[in-house]
């Protein structure tokens, strides 16, 4: 083998080793360190006014971008409740309103805010999800039925119709819509656990990510 061929062979081998090391290091980092939301949008994940299920001081926070008219949100709700129960006192859920389904979503969200003012948030939330099929047709939502269902869960509907026009409710609604855009949420539900996006998406994956964060918080 000529000297020139030998030099080329050595350089090629060295380059291959270098590429392999870079690939291994990059892969190791990606496996060892789950992704976090970008720092510039981290503050948009949680607002001081956001509804919370579970203890406010829990070490693990699930942020759920949530639409009360969304069938998948309804399907995930018992799963989220089960996670709260399984990790009693260690997990909280912060709900962010995501009105992707038009007037029905918007009306339900505003009534939920009125329910929060009246101390009826959770029973009204449960009722709206339980009877979602009765009011949440995406083509023609039954806005009157939303009010009746909420009232059946204890909401003072007459007071609520005034409360939903208050500057506080309007501000919450508008801020959540702006945050949805800033974070880049495109579907509901979308979950973040202690700032980590749920990816891949799924019930088992959500349970696993929460369990890992609870274990890390306890170590």
N, C-alpha and C. Protein backbone atom coordinates (compact mmCIF):
# COMPACT_ATOMS: atom_id res chain seq x y z
N UNK A 1 0.86 -1.20 0.00
CA UNK A 1 0.00 0.00 0.00
C UNK A 1 0.89 1.23 0.00
N UNK A 2 0.61 2.21 -0.87
CA UNK A 2 1.40 3.42 -0.94
C UNK A 2 1.17 4.27 0.29
N UNK A 3 2.10 5.21 0.52
CA UNK A 3 1.96 6.12 1.67
C UNK A 3 0.68 6.94 1.56
N UNK A 4 0.35 7.35 0.34
CA UNK A 4 -0.86 8.16 0.14
C UNK A 4 -2.10 7.37 0.51
N UNK A 5 -2.15 6.09 0.08
CA UNK A 5 -3.31 5.25 0.40
C UNK A 5 -3.40 5.01 1.89
N UNK A 6 -2.23 4.85 2.53
CA UNK A 6 -2.21 4.62 3.97
C UNK A 6 -2.76 5.82 4.72
N UNK A 7 -2.35 7.01 4.32
CA UNK A 7 -2.82 8.25 4.96
C UNK A 7 -4.33 8.39 4.80
N UNK A 8 -4.82 8.12 3.60
CA UNK A 8 -6.26 8.23 3.35
C UNK A 8 -7.03 7.24 4.21
N UNK A 9 -6.50 6.01 4.31
CA UNK A 9 -7.17 4.98 5.12
C UNK A 9 -7.23 5.40 6.59
N UNK A 10 -6.11 5.91 7.11
CA UNK A 10 -6.07 6.34 8.51
C UNK A 10 -7.04 7.49 8.76
N UNK A 11 -7.04 8.46 7.83
CA UNK A 11 -7.96 9.60 7.99
C UNK A 11 -9.41 9.15 7.93
N UNK A 12 -9.73 8.24 7.04
CA UNK A 12 -11.10 7.74 6.91
C UNK A 12 -11.53 7.01 8.17
N UNK A 13 -10.62 6.19 8.72
CA UNK A 13 -10.93 5.46 9.95
C UNK A 13 -11.15 6.42 11.12
N UNK A 14 -10.28 7.43 11.19
CA UNK A 14 -10.43 8.42 12.27
C UNK A 14 -11.73 9.18 12.17
N UNK A 15 -12.12 9.53 10.93
CA UNK A 15 -13.37 10.24 10.73
C UNK A 15 -14.56 9.39 11.14
N UNK A 16 -14.51 8.10 10.80
CA UNK A 16 -15.59 7.18 11.16
C UNK A 16 -15.74 7.08 12.67
N UNK A 17 -14.58 6.98 13.37
CA UNK A 17 -14.61 6.92 14.84
C UNK A 17 -15.20 8.20 15.42
N UNK A 18 -14.79 9.35 14.86
CA UNK A 18 -15.29 10.64 15.34
C UNK A 18 -16.80 10.75 15.17
N UNK A 19 -17.31 10.37 14.00
CA UNK A 19 -18.75 10.41 13.74
C UNK A 19 -19.50 9.48 14.69
N UNK A 20 -18.94 8.29 14.91
CA UNK A 20 -19.58 7.33 15.81
C UNK A 20 -19.66 7.87 17.23
N UNK A 21 -18.57 8.52 17.68
CA UNK A 21 -18.57 9.08 19.04
C UNK A 21 -19.59 10.20 19.18
N UNK A 22 -19.66 11.06 18.17
CA UNK A 22 -20.65 12.15 18.20
C UNK A 22 -22.06 11.59 18.24
N UNK A 23 -22.33 10.57 17.42
CA UNK A 23 -23.67 9.95 17.40
C UNK A 23 -24.02 9.34 18.75
N UNK A 24 -23.03 8.63 19.36
CA UNK A 24 -23.27 7.97 20.64
C UNK A 24 -23.54 9.00 21.73
N UNK A 25 -22.75 10.08 21.74
CA UNK A 25 -22.93 11.11 22.77
C UNK A 25 -24.28 11.78 22.63
N UNK A 26 -24.67 12.11 21.39
CA UNK A 26 -25.95 12.75 21.14
C UNK A 26 -27.10 11.85 21.53
N UNK A 27 -26.99 10.57 21.16
CA UNK A 27 -28.05 9.61 21.49
C UNK A 27 -28.15 9.43 22.99
N UNK A 28 -27.00 9.37 23.67
CA UNK A 28 -27.01 9.18 25.12
C UNK A 28 -27.69 10.34 25.80
N UNK A 29 -27.41 11.57 25.33
CA UNK A 29 -28.06 12.73 25.92
C UNK A 29 -29.55 12.69 25.71
N UNK A 30 -29.98 12.30 24.51
CA UNK A 30 -31.40 12.30 24.21
C UNK A 30 -32.15 11.26 25.00
N UNK A 31 -31.50 10.13 25.30
CA UNK A 31 -32.14 9.09 26.10
C UNK A 31 -32.15 9.47 27.57
N UNK A 32 -31.05 10.04 28.04
CA UNK A 32 -30.91 10.30 29.47
C UNK A 32 -31.68 11.53 29.92
N UNK A 33 -31.90 12.49 29.02
CA UNK A 33 -32.51 13.75 29.42
C UNK A 33 -33.79 13.99 28.62
N UNK A 34 -34.96 13.69 29.21
CA UNK A 34 -36.21 13.96 28.52
C UNK A 34 -36.33 15.44 28.18
N UNK A 35 -37.03 15.74 27.10
CA UNK A 35 -37.14 17.11 26.66
C UNK A 35 -37.91 17.99 27.62
N UNK A 36 -37.50 19.23 27.72
CA UNK A 36 -38.22 20.24 28.49
C UNK A 36 -38.79 21.26 27.51
N UNK A 37 -39.83 21.93 27.99
CA UNK A 37 -40.38 23.00 27.17
C UNK A 37 -39.33 24.10 27.04
N UNK A 38 -39.33 24.81 25.95
CA UNK A 38 -38.35 25.87 25.72
C UNK A 38 -38.47 26.94 26.80
N UNK A 39 -37.32 27.44 27.32
CA UNK A 39 -37.36 28.40 28.42
C UNK A 39 -38.22 29.63 28.14
N UNK A 40 -38.22 30.08 26.89
CA UNK A 40 -38.95 31.31 26.58
C UNK A 40 -40.46 31.15 26.66
N UNK A 41 -40.96 29.92 26.70
CA UNK A 41 -42.40 29.74 26.83
C UNK A 41 -42.78 29.04 28.13
N UNK A 42 -41.79 28.78 29.00
CA UNK A 42 -42.06 28.05 30.24
C UNK A 42 -43.07 28.79 31.11
N UNK A 43 -42.97 30.11 31.16
CA UNK A 43 -43.88 30.87 32.03
C UNK A 43 -45.31 30.86 31.53
N UNK A 44 -45.50 30.54 30.24
CA UNK A 44 -46.86 30.47 29.70
C UNK A 44 -47.57 29.17 30.07
N UNK A 45 -46.87 28.21 30.65
CA UNK A 45 -47.51 26.94 31.00
C UNK A 45 -48.48 27.10 32.16
N UNK A 46 -48.15 27.93 33.13
CA UNK A 46 -48.97 28.06 34.33
C UNK A 46 -49.19 29.54 34.62
N UNK A 47 -50.42 29.89 34.91
CA UNK A 47 -50.76 31.23 35.37
C UNK A 47 -51.29 31.15 36.80
N UNK A 48 -51.14 32.23 37.53
CA UNK A 48 -51.54 32.22 38.94
C UNK A 48 -53.03 31.94 39.12
N UNK A 49 -53.83 32.26 38.11
CA UNK A 49 -55.28 32.07 38.21
C UNK A 49 -55.74 30.69 37.76
N UNK A 50 -54.84 29.88 37.20
CA UNK A 50 -55.26 28.63 36.57
C UNK A 50 -55.90 27.69 37.59
N UNK A 51 -57.02 27.04 37.22
CA UNK A 51 -57.65 26.06 38.12
C UNK A 51 -56.70 24.91 38.44
N UNK A 52 -56.71 24.47 39.69
CA UNK A 52 -55.84 23.39 40.14
C UNK A 52 -56.67 22.27 40.76
N UNK A 53 -56.40 21.06 40.33
CA UNK A 53 -56.97 19.87 40.95
C UNK A 53 -55.85 19.21 41.75
N UNK A 54 -56.11 18.89 43.00
CA UNK A 54 -55.07 18.33 43.85
C UNK A 54 -54.43 19.40 44.70
N UNK A 55 -53.47 19.03 45.54
CA UNK A 55 -52.84 19.99 46.46
C UNK A 55 -51.98 21.01 45.72
N UNK A 56 -52.12 22.27 46.10
CA UNK A 56 -51.40 23.34 45.40
C UNK A 56 -49.89 23.21 45.54
N UNK A 57 -49.42 22.60 46.63
CA UNK A 57 -47.98 22.51 46.88
C UNK A 57 -47.38 21.16 46.48
N UNK A 58 -48.09 20.40 45.66
CA UNK A 58 -47.59 19.09 45.23
C UNK A 58 -46.28 19.27 44.45
N UNK A 59 -45.33 18.34 44.61
CA UNK A 59 -44.04 18.48 43.93
C UNK A 59 -44.08 18.18 42.43
N UNK A 60 -45.13 17.51 41.98
CA UNK A 60 -45.24 17.18 40.56
C UNK A 60 -46.48 17.87 39.98
N UNK A 61 -46.28 18.56 38.89
CA UNK A 61 -47.36 19.32 38.26
C UNK A 61 -47.64 18.81 36.86
N UNK A 62 -48.87 18.39 36.64
CA UNK A 62 -49.34 18.09 35.29
C UNK A 62 -50.06 19.33 34.78
N UNK A 63 -49.61 19.88 33.68
CA UNK A 63 -50.35 20.95 33.01
C UNK A 63 -51.11 20.32 31.86
N UNK A 64 -52.44 20.51 31.87
CA UNK A 64 -53.27 19.95 30.81
C UNK A 64 -53.94 21.08 30.04
N UNK A 65 -53.63 21.18 28.76
CA UNK A 65 -54.36 22.09 27.89
C UNK A 65 -55.64 21.36 27.47
N UNK A 66 -56.76 21.94 27.87
CA UNK A 66 -58.00 21.20 28.02
C UNK A 66 -59.16 21.96 27.37
N UNK A 67 -60.01 21.21 26.66
CA UNK A 67 -61.23 21.77 26.06
C UNK A 67 -62.41 20.95 26.58
N UNK A 68 -63.36 21.57 27.28
CA UNK A 68 -64.48 20.79 27.84
C UNK A 68 -65.36 20.15 26.77
N UNK A 69 -65.23 20.59 25.51
CA UNK A 69 -66.01 19.98 24.43
C UNK A 69 -65.23 18.90 23.70
N UNK A 70 -64.03 18.60 24.16
CA UNK A 70 -63.15 17.64 23.48
C UNK A 70 -63.41 16.23 23.99
N UNK A 71 -63.71 15.30 23.08
CA UNK A 71 -63.98 13.91 23.47
C UNK A 71 -62.76 13.26 24.11
N UNK A 72 -61.56 13.54 23.58
CA UNK A 72 -60.35 12.95 24.15
C UNK A 72 -60.09 13.47 25.56
N UNK A 73 -60.41 14.75 25.81
CA UNK A 73 -60.26 15.30 27.16
C UNK A 73 -61.20 14.57 28.12
N UNK A 74 -62.40 14.32 27.66
CA UNK A 74 -63.35 13.57 28.49
C UNK A 74 -62.81 12.16 28.77
N UNK A 75 -62.25 11.51 27.77
CA UNK A 75 -61.74 10.16 27.94
C UNK A 75 -60.54 10.14 28.89
N UNK A 76 -59.72 11.18 28.86
CA UNK A 76 -58.54 11.22 29.72
C UNK A 76 -58.87 11.66 31.15
N UNK A 77 -60.01 12.28 31.37
CA UNK A 77 -60.31 12.82 32.69
C UNK A 77 -60.27 11.76 33.79
N UNK A 78 -60.90 10.60 33.63
CA UNK A 78 -60.79 9.59 34.69
C UNK A 78 -59.37 9.06 34.87
N UNK A 79 -58.59 9.07 33.81
CA UNK A 79 -57.20 8.64 33.91
C UNK A 79 -56.41 9.64 34.77
N UNK A 80 -56.64 10.92 34.51
CA UNK A 80 -55.97 11.97 35.29
C UNK A 80 -56.39 11.88 36.76
N UNK A 81 -57.68 11.67 37.01
CA UNK A 81 -58.16 11.53 38.39
C UNK A 81 -57.53 10.32 39.07
N UNK A 82 -57.37 9.24 38.33
CA UNK A 82 -56.76 8.04 38.89
C UNK A 82 -55.29 8.29 39.24
N UNK A 83 -54.60 9.04 38.40
CA UNK A 83 -53.21 9.40 38.69
C UNK A 83 -53.13 10.23 39.96
N UNK A 84 -54.04 11.18 40.13
CA UNK A 84 -54.07 11.98 41.35
C UNK A 84 -54.28 11.10 42.58
N UNK A 85 -55.19 10.14 42.45
CA UNK A 85 -55.49 9.24 43.56
C UNK A 85 -54.30 8.32 43.86
N UNK A 86 -53.68 7.82 42.81
CA UNK A 86 -52.56 6.88 42.98
C UNK A 86 -51.37 7.54 43.68
N UNK A 87 -51.14 8.82 43.36
CA UNK A 87 -50.01 9.55 43.95
C UNK A 87 -50.54 10.61 44.91
N UNK A 88 -51.33 10.17 45.86
CA UNK A 88 -52.06 11.06 46.76
C UNK A 88 -51.13 12.09 47.40
N UNK A 89 -51.44 13.37 47.16
CA UNK A 89 -50.70 14.46 47.76
C UNK A 89 -49.43 14.85 47.05
N UNK A 90 -49.03 14.09 46.04
CA UNK A 90 -47.75 14.34 45.37
C UNK A 90 -47.91 14.95 43.97
N UNK A 91 -49.15 14.98 43.47
CA UNK A 91 -49.39 15.44 42.10
C UNK A 91 -50.54 16.44 42.11
N UNK A 92 -50.40 17.46 41.31
CA UNK A 92 -51.50 18.40 41.07
C UNK A 92 -51.69 18.54 39.56
N UNK A 93 -52.88 18.94 39.16
CA UNK A 93 -53.19 19.17 37.76
C UNK A 93 -53.58 20.63 37.59
N UNK A 94 -52.90 21.31 36.69
CA UNK A 94 -53.22 22.70 36.35
C UNK A 94 -53.93 22.67 35.00
N UNK A 95 -55.16 23.17 34.97
CA UNK A 95 -55.94 23.17 33.74
C UNK A 95 -55.79 24.49 33.01
N UNK A 96 -55.51 24.40 31.71
CA UNK A 96 -55.44 25.58 30.85
C UNK A 96 -56.53 25.46 29.80
N UNK A 97 -57.33 26.48 29.69
CA UNK A 97 -58.47 26.46 28.77
C UNK A 97 -58.00 26.59 27.33
N UNK A 98 -58.56 25.72 26.49
CA UNK A 98 -58.15 25.65 25.08
C UNK A 98 -59.41 25.53 24.22
N UNK A 99 -60.03 26.64 23.87
CA UNK A 99 -61.34 26.59 23.18
C UNK A 99 -61.21 26.31 21.69
N UNK A 100 -60.92 25.06 21.36
CA UNK A 100 -60.72 24.69 19.96
C UNK A 100 -62.02 24.38 19.24
N UNK A 101 -63.14 24.21 19.98
CA UNK A 101 -64.37 23.76 19.35
C UNK A 101 -65.47 24.83 19.32
N UNK A 102 -65.05 26.07 19.19
CA UNK A 102 -66.00 27.14 18.92
C UNK A 102 -66.87 27.57 20.08
N UNK A 103 -68.09 28.03 19.77
CA UNK A 103 -68.97 28.63 20.77
C UNK A 103 -69.29 27.71 21.95
N UNK A 104 -69.43 26.42 21.71
CA UNK A 104 -69.70 25.50 22.80
C UNK A 104 -68.57 25.49 23.81
N UNK A 105 -67.34 25.39 23.33
CA UNK A 105 -66.17 25.43 24.21
C UNK A 105 -66.10 26.74 24.97
N UNK A 106 -66.31 27.83 24.26
CA UNK A 106 -66.19 29.15 24.88
C UNK A 106 -67.23 29.34 25.99
N UNK A 107 -68.46 28.95 25.73
CA UNK A 107 -69.51 29.08 26.74
C UNK A 107 -69.22 28.21 27.95
N UNK A 108 -68.81 26.98 27.72
CA UNK A 108 -68.50 26.07 28.83
C UNK A 108 -67.35 26.60 29.67
N UNK A 109 -66.32 27.12 29.02
CA UNK A 109 -65.17 27.66 29.75
C UNK A 109 -65.58 28.84 30.61
N UNK A 110 -66.38 29.74 30.06
CA UNK A 110 -66.80 30.90 30.84
C UNK A 110 -67.68 30.50 32.02
N UNK A 111 -68.52 29.49 31.83
CA UNK A 111 -69.35 29.01 32.94
C UNK A 111 -68.48 28.31 33.99
N UNK A 112 -67.42 27.65 33.56
CA UNK A 112 -66.50 27.04 34.52
C UNK A 112 -65.81 28.11 35.37
N UNK A 113 -65.47 29.23 34.75
CA UNK A 113 -64.88 30.32 35.52
C UNK A 113 -65.89 30.90 36.51
N UNK A 114 -67.14 31.04 36.09
CA UNK A 114 -68.18 31.49 37.01
C UNK A 114 -68.36 30.49 38.14
N UNK A 115 -68.29 29.21 37.81
CA UNK A 115 -68.41 28.16 38.83
C UNK A 115 -67.25 28.26 39.82
N UNK A 116 -66.07 28.60 39.34
CA UNK A 116 -64.93 28.76 40.25
C UNK A 116 -65.17 29.92 41.21
N UNK A 117 -65.74 30.99 40.70
CA UNK A 117 -66.08 32.13 41.57
C UNK A 117 -67.08 31.73 42.65
N UNK A 118 -67.94 30.79 42.31
CA UNK A 118 -68.99 30.37 43.24
C UNK A 118 -68.58 29.16 44.09
N UNK A 119 -67.34 28.70 43.93
CA UNK A 119 -66.89 27.54 44.68
C UNK A 119 -67.50 26.22 44.19
N UNK A 120 -67.85 26.17 42.92
CA UNK A 120 -68.52 24.99 42.35
C UNK A 120 -67.75 24.42 41.16
N UNK A 121 -66.48 24.73 41.05
CA UNK A 121 -65.74 24.38 39.84
C UNK A 121 -65.75 22.88 39.56
N UNK A 122 -65.34 22.08 40.52
CA UNK A 122 -65.20 20.64 40.26
C UNK A 122 -66.52 19.96 39.95
N UNK A 123 -67.60 20.21 40.70
CA UNK A 123 -68.86 19.55 40.34
C UNK A 123 -69.38 19.98 38.97
N UNK A 124 -69.18 21.25 38.61
CA UNK A 124 -69.63 21.70 37.28
C UNK A 124 -68.76 21.08 36.20
N UNK A 125 -67.46 21.00 36.42
CA UNK A 125 -66.56 20.35 35.46
C UNK A 125 -66.98 18.90 35.24
N UNK A 126 -67.20 18.17 36.34
CA UNK A 126 -67.59 16.76 36.24
C UNK A 126 -68.89 16.61 35.46
N UNK A 127 -69.84 17.49 35.72
CA UNK A 127 -71.15 17.39 35.06
C UNK A 127 -71.06 17.71 33.57
N UNK A 128 -70.30 18.73 33.23
CA UNK A 128 -70.15 19.09 31.82
C UNK A 128 -69.48 17.96 31.03
N UNK A 129 -68.52 17.28 31.65
CA UNK A 129 -67.88 16.16 30.97
C UNK A 129 -68.79 14.93 30.91
N UNK A 130 -69.51 14.69 32.00
CA UNK A 130 -70.41 13.54 32.04
C UNK A 130 -71.47 13.63 30.96
N UNK A 131 -72.01 14.83 30.76
CA UNK A 131 -73.10 15.02 29.79
C UNK A 131 -72.61 15.73 28.53
N UNK A 132 -71.34 15.56 28.22
CA UNK A 132 -70.76 16.23 27.06
C UNK A 132 -71.52 15.94 25.78
N UNK A 133 -71.95 14.69 25.60
CA UNK A 133 -72.64 14.32 24.36
C UNK A 133 -73.95 15.08 24.17
N UNK A 134 -74.51 15.59 25.26
CA UNK A 134 -75.78 16.28 25.18
C UNK A 134 -75.65 17.73 24.70
N UNK A 135 -74.46 18.30 24.85
CA UNK A 135 -74.35 19.73 24.52
C UNK A 135 -73.23 20.07 23.54
N UNK A 136 -72.27 19.16 23.34
CA UNK A 136 -71.02 19.55 22.69
C UNK A 136 -70.92 19.17 21.23
N UNK A 137 -72.04 19.08 20.52
CA UNK A 137 -71.95 18.85 19.08
C UNK A 137 -71.12 19.96 18.45
N UNK A 138 -70.04 19.59 17.77
CA UNK A 138 -69.13 20.60 17.25
C UNK A 138 -69.77 21.44 16.14
N UNK A 139 -70.73 20.86 15.45
CA UNK A 139 -71.39 21.62 14.40
C UNK A 139 -72.48 22.54 14.92
N UNK A 140 -73.16 22.11 15.98
CA UNK A 140 -74.27 22.89 16.52
C UNK A 140 -74.40 22.66 18.02
N UNK A 141 -73.49 23.23 18.81
CA UNK A 141 -73.55 23.03 20.26
C UNK A 141 -74.82 23.62 20.85
N UNK A 142 -75.35 22.98 21.86
CA UNK A 142 -76.57 23.44 22.52
C UNK A 142 -76.17 24.33 23.70
N UNK A 143 -76.10 25.64 23.46
CA UNK A 143 -75.61 26.57 24.47
C UNK A 143 -76.55 26.65 25.67
N UNK A 144 -77.85 26.54 25.42
CA UNK A 144 -78.80 26.58 26.52
C UNK A 144 -78.64 25.37 27.42
N UNK A 145 -78.38 24.22 26.81
CA UNK A 145 -78.23 23.00 27.60
C UNK A 145 -76.97 23.04 28.47
N UNK A 146 -75.94 23.73 28.00
CA UNK A 146 -74.73 23.87 28.82
C UNK A 146 -75.08 24.53 30.14
N UNK A 147 -75.86 25.60 30.06
CA UNK A 147 -76.27 26.31 31.27
C UNK A 147 -77.11 25.43 32.19
N UNK A 148 -78.02 24.66 31.62
CA UNK A 148 -78.88 23.80 32.43
C UNK A 148 -78.06 22.71 33.13
N UNK A 149 -77.12 22.13 32.42
CA UNK A 149 -76.27 21.09 33.02
C UNK A 149 -75.43 21.67 34.15
N UNK A 150 -74.86 22.86 33.92
CA UNK A 150 -74.07 23.51 34.96
C UNK A 150 -74.93 23.84 36.17
N UNK A 151 -76.14 24.33 35.92
CA UNK A 151 -77.06 24.66 37.02
C UNK A 151 -77.42 23.40 37.82
N UNK A 152 -77.58 22.29 37.11
CA UNK A 152 -77.89 21.03 37.78
C UNK A 152 -76.78 20.56 38.70
N UNK A 153 -75.56 21.05 38.46
CA UNK A 153 -74.41 20.69 39.31
C UNK A 153 -74.20 21.70 40.43
N UNK A 154 -75.11 22.66 40.55
CA UNK A 154 -75.03 23.61 41.66
C UNK A 154 -74.68 25.03 41.29
N UNK A 155 -74.48 25.31 40.01
CA UNK A 155 -74.15 26.68 39.59
C UNK A 155 -75.37 27.57 39.68
N UNK A 156 -75.21 28.75 40.27
CA UNK A 156 -76.25 29.78 40.24
C UNK A 156 -76.17 30.43 38.86
N UNK A 157 -77.04 29.97 37.97
CA UNK A 157 -76.93 30.37 36.57
C UNK A 157 -77.20 31.86 36.39
N UNK A 158 -78.16 32.39 37.12
CA UNK A 158 -78.47 33.82 36.99
C UNK A 158 -77.26 34.67 37.34
N UNK A 159 -76.62 34.33 38.44
CA UNK A 159 -75.41 35.07 38.83
C UNK A 159 -74.28 34.83 37.82
N UNK A 160 -74.20 33.60 37.31
CA UNK A 160 -73.13 33.26 36.38
C UNK A 160 -73.21 34.06 35.09
N UNK A 161 -74.43 34.33 34.64
CA UNK A 161 -74.58 35.08 33.38
C UNK A 161 -74.07 36.50 33.52
N UNK A 162 -74.04 37.00 34.73
CA UNK A 162 -73.42 38.30 34.97
C UNK A 162 -71.91 38.15 35.15
N UNK A 163 -71.50 37.12 35.88
CA UNK A 163 -70.09 36.92 36.16
C UNK A 163 -69.25 36.68 34.91
N UNK A 164 -69.81 35.98 33.93
CA UNK A 164 -69.02 35.66 32.73
C UNK A 164 -68.69 36.89 31.90
N UNK A 165 -69.37 38.01 32.19
CA UNK A 165 -69.09 39.26 31.48
C UNK A 165 -68.08 40.12 32.23
N UNK A 166 -67.65 39.66 33.41
CA UNK A 166 -66.74 40.47 34.23
C UNK A 166 -65.37 40.55 33.58
N UNK A 167 -64.63 41.65 33.83
CA UNK A 167 -63.29 41.79 33.26
C UNK A 167 -62.35 40.65 33.65
N UNK A 168 -62.52 40.09 34.86
CA UNK A 168 -61.63 39.01 35.30
C UNK A 168 -61.80 37.77 34.43
N UNK A 169 -63.06 37.40 34.15
CA UNK A 169 -63.31 36.22 33.33
C UNK A 169 -62.84 36.44 31.90
N UNK A 170 -63.11 37.61 31.37
CA UNK A 170 -62.67 37.94 30.01
C UNK A 170 -61.14 37.90 29.92
N UNK A 171 -60.47 38.41 30.95
CA UNK A 171 -59.00 38.42 30.96
C UNK A 171 -58.43 37.01 31.00
N UNK A 172 -59.02 36.14 31.82
CA UNK A 172 -58.58 34.74 31.89
C UNK A 172 -58.74 34.07 30.54
N UNK A 173 -59.89 34.25 29.95
CA UNK A 173 -60.19 33.63 28.66
C UNK A 173 -59.19 34.08 27.59
N UNK A 174 -58.95 35.38 27.54
CA UNK A 174 -58.05 35.92 26.52
C UNK A 174 -56.60 35.51 26.76
N UNK A 175 -56.17 35.49 28.02
CA UNK A 175 -54.80 35.13 28.32
C UNK A 175 -54.53 33.66 27.99
N UNK A 176 -55.49 32.80 28.31
CA UNK A 176 -55.30 31.39 28.00
C UNK A 176 -55.22 31.17 26.49
N UNK A 177 -56.04 31.88 25.74
CA UNK A 177 -55.96 31.75 24.28
C UNK A 177 -54.60 32.20 23.77
N UNK A 178 -54.08 33.27 24.33
CA UNK A 178 -52.77 33.76 23.91
C UNK A 178 -51.68 32.76 24.27
N UNK A 179 -51.78 32.16 25.46
CA UNK A 179 -50.77 31.19 25.88
C UNK A 179 -50.80 29.92 25.03
N UNK A 180 -51.99 29.51 24.64
CA UNK A 180 -52.12 28.35 23.75
C UNK A 180 -51.34 28.59 22.46
N UNK A 181 -51.46 29.79 21.93
CA UNK A 181 -50.73 30.13 20.71
C UNK A 181 -49.23 30.18 20.97
N UNK A 182 -48.82 30.78 22.08
CA UNK A 182 -47.40 30.93 22.37
C UNK A 182 -46.73 29.57 22.59
N UNK A 183 -47.39 28.70 23.33
CA UNK A 183 -46.82 27.38 23.61
C UNK A 183 -46.85 26.50 22.36
N UNK A 184 -47.78 26.79 21.44
CA UNK A 184 -47.87 26.01 20.21
C UNK A 184 -48.73 24.77 20.34
N UNK A 185 -49.74 24.83 21.22
CA UNK A 185 -50.65 23.69 21.39
C UNK A 185 -51.53 23.57 20.16
N UNK A 186 -51.61 22.36 19.62
CA UNK A 186 -52.38 22.13 18.39
C UNK A 186 -53.49 21.10 18.57
N UNK A 187 -53.52 20.43 19.72
CA UNK A 187 -54.55 19.44 19.96
C UNK A 187 -54.84 19.35 21.45
N UNK A 188 -56.01 18.85 21.77
CA UNK A 188 -56.37 18.63 23.17
C UNK A 188 -56.71 17.17 23.38
N UNK A 189 -56.33 16.62 24.56
CA UNK A 189 -55.51 17.30 25.56
C UNK A 189 -54.04 17.29 25.16
N UNK A 190 -53.31 18.29 25.62
CA UNK A 190 -51.86 18.31 25.54
C UNK A 190 -51.33 18.40 26.96
N UNK A 191 -50.36 17.55 27.30
CA UNK A 191 -49.87 17.47 28.67
C UNK A 191 -48.40 17.85 28.77
N UNK A 192 -48.08 18.51 29.88
CA UNK A 192 -46.69 18.72 30.29
C UNK A 192 -46.59 18.26 31.74
N UNK A 193 -45.52 17.56 32.09
CA UNK A 193 -45.31 17.09 33.45
C UNK A 193 -44.00 17.69 33.96
N UNK A 194 -44.12 18.57 34.94
CA UNK A 194 -42.95 19.31 35.44
C UNK A 194 -42.15 19.93 34.29
N UNK A 195 -42.87 20.49 33.34
CA UNK A 195 -42.23 21.17 32.21
C UNK A 195 -41.83 20.27 31.07
N UNK A 196 -42.03 18.96 31.21
CA UNK A 196 -41.66 18.02 30.15
C UNK A 196 -42.88 17.69 29.30
N UNK A 197 -42.82 17.89 27.99
CA UNK A 197 -43.96 17.53 27.15
C UNK A 197 -44.15 16.03 27.09
N UNK A 198 -45.39 15.59 27.08
CA UNK A 198 -45.70 14.17 26.97
C UNK A 198 -45.51 13.75 25.51
N UNK A 199 -44.42 13.05 25.27
CA UNK A 199 -44.09 12.63 23.91
C UNK A 199 -43.26 11.34 23.99
N UNK A 200 -43.78 10.21 23.52
CA UNK A 200 -45.04 10.05 22.77
C UNK A 200 -46.27 10.19 23.66
N UNK A 201 -47.39 10.46 23.00
CA UNK A 201 -48.64 10.71 23.70
C UNK A 201 -49.38 9.41 23.96
N UNK A 202 -49.93 9.28 25.17
CA UNK A 202 -50.74 8.11 25.49
C UNK A 202 -50.97 8.01 26.98
N UNK A 203 -51.99 7.25 27.37
CA UNK A 203 -52.31 7.11 28.79
C UNK A 203 -51.18 6.43 29.55
N UNK A 204 -50.64 5.36 29.00
CA UNK A 204 -49.55 4.65 29.67
C UNK A 204 -48.32 5.54 29.78
N UNK A 205 -48.07 6.32 28.75
CA UNK A 205 -46.92 7.22 28.76
C UNK A 205 -47.10 8.32 29.81
N UNK A 206 -48.32 8.82 29.95
CA UNK A 206 -48.59 9.84 30.98
C UNK A 206 -48.36 9.26 32.37
N UNK A 207 -48.88 8.07 32.60
CA UNK A 207 -48.69 7.43 33.91
C UNK A 207 -47.20 7.23 34.20
N UNK A 208 -46.46 6.78 33.20
CA UNK A 208 -45.04 6.50 33.39
C UNK A 208 -44.25 7.78 33.67
N UNK A 209 -44.55 8.85 32.93
CA UNK A 209 -43.83 10.09 33.12
C UNK A 209 -44.13 10.68 34.50
N UNK A 210 -45.37 10.63 34.93
CA UNK A 210 -45.73 11.13 36.26
C UNK A 210 -45.04 10.31 37.33
N UNK A 211 -45.07 8.98 37.19
CA UNK A 211 -44.42 8.11 38.17
C UNK A 211 -42.93 8.41 38.27
N UNK A 212 -42.28 8.66 37.15
CA UNK A 212 -40.86 8.97 37.16
C UNK A 212 -40.59 10.29 37.88
N UNK A 213 -41.44 11.27 37.65
CA UNK A 213 -41.27 12.57 38.31
C UNK A 213 -41.55 12.47 39.81
N UNK A 214 -42.53 11.66 40.19
CA UNK A 214 -42.81 11.47 41.62
C UNK A 214 -41.62 10.81 42.28
N UNK A 215 -41.06 9.78 41.63
CA UNK A 215 -39.89 9.10 42.18
C UNK A 215 -38.71 10.06 42.31
N UNK A 216 -38.49 10.89 41.30
CA UNK A 216 -37.39 11.85 41.34
C UNK A 216 -37.59 12.88 42.45
N UNK A 217 -38.83 13.30 42.66
CA UNK A 217 -39.12 14.29 43.70
C UNK A 217 -38.90 13.72 45.09
N UNK A 218 -39.05 12.39 45.22
CA UNK A 218 -38.90 11.76 46.52
C UNK A 218 -37.49 11.33 46.84
N UNK A 219 -36.61 11.45 45.84
CA UNK A 219 -35.23 10.97 46.05
C UNK A 219 -34.36 12.05 46.67
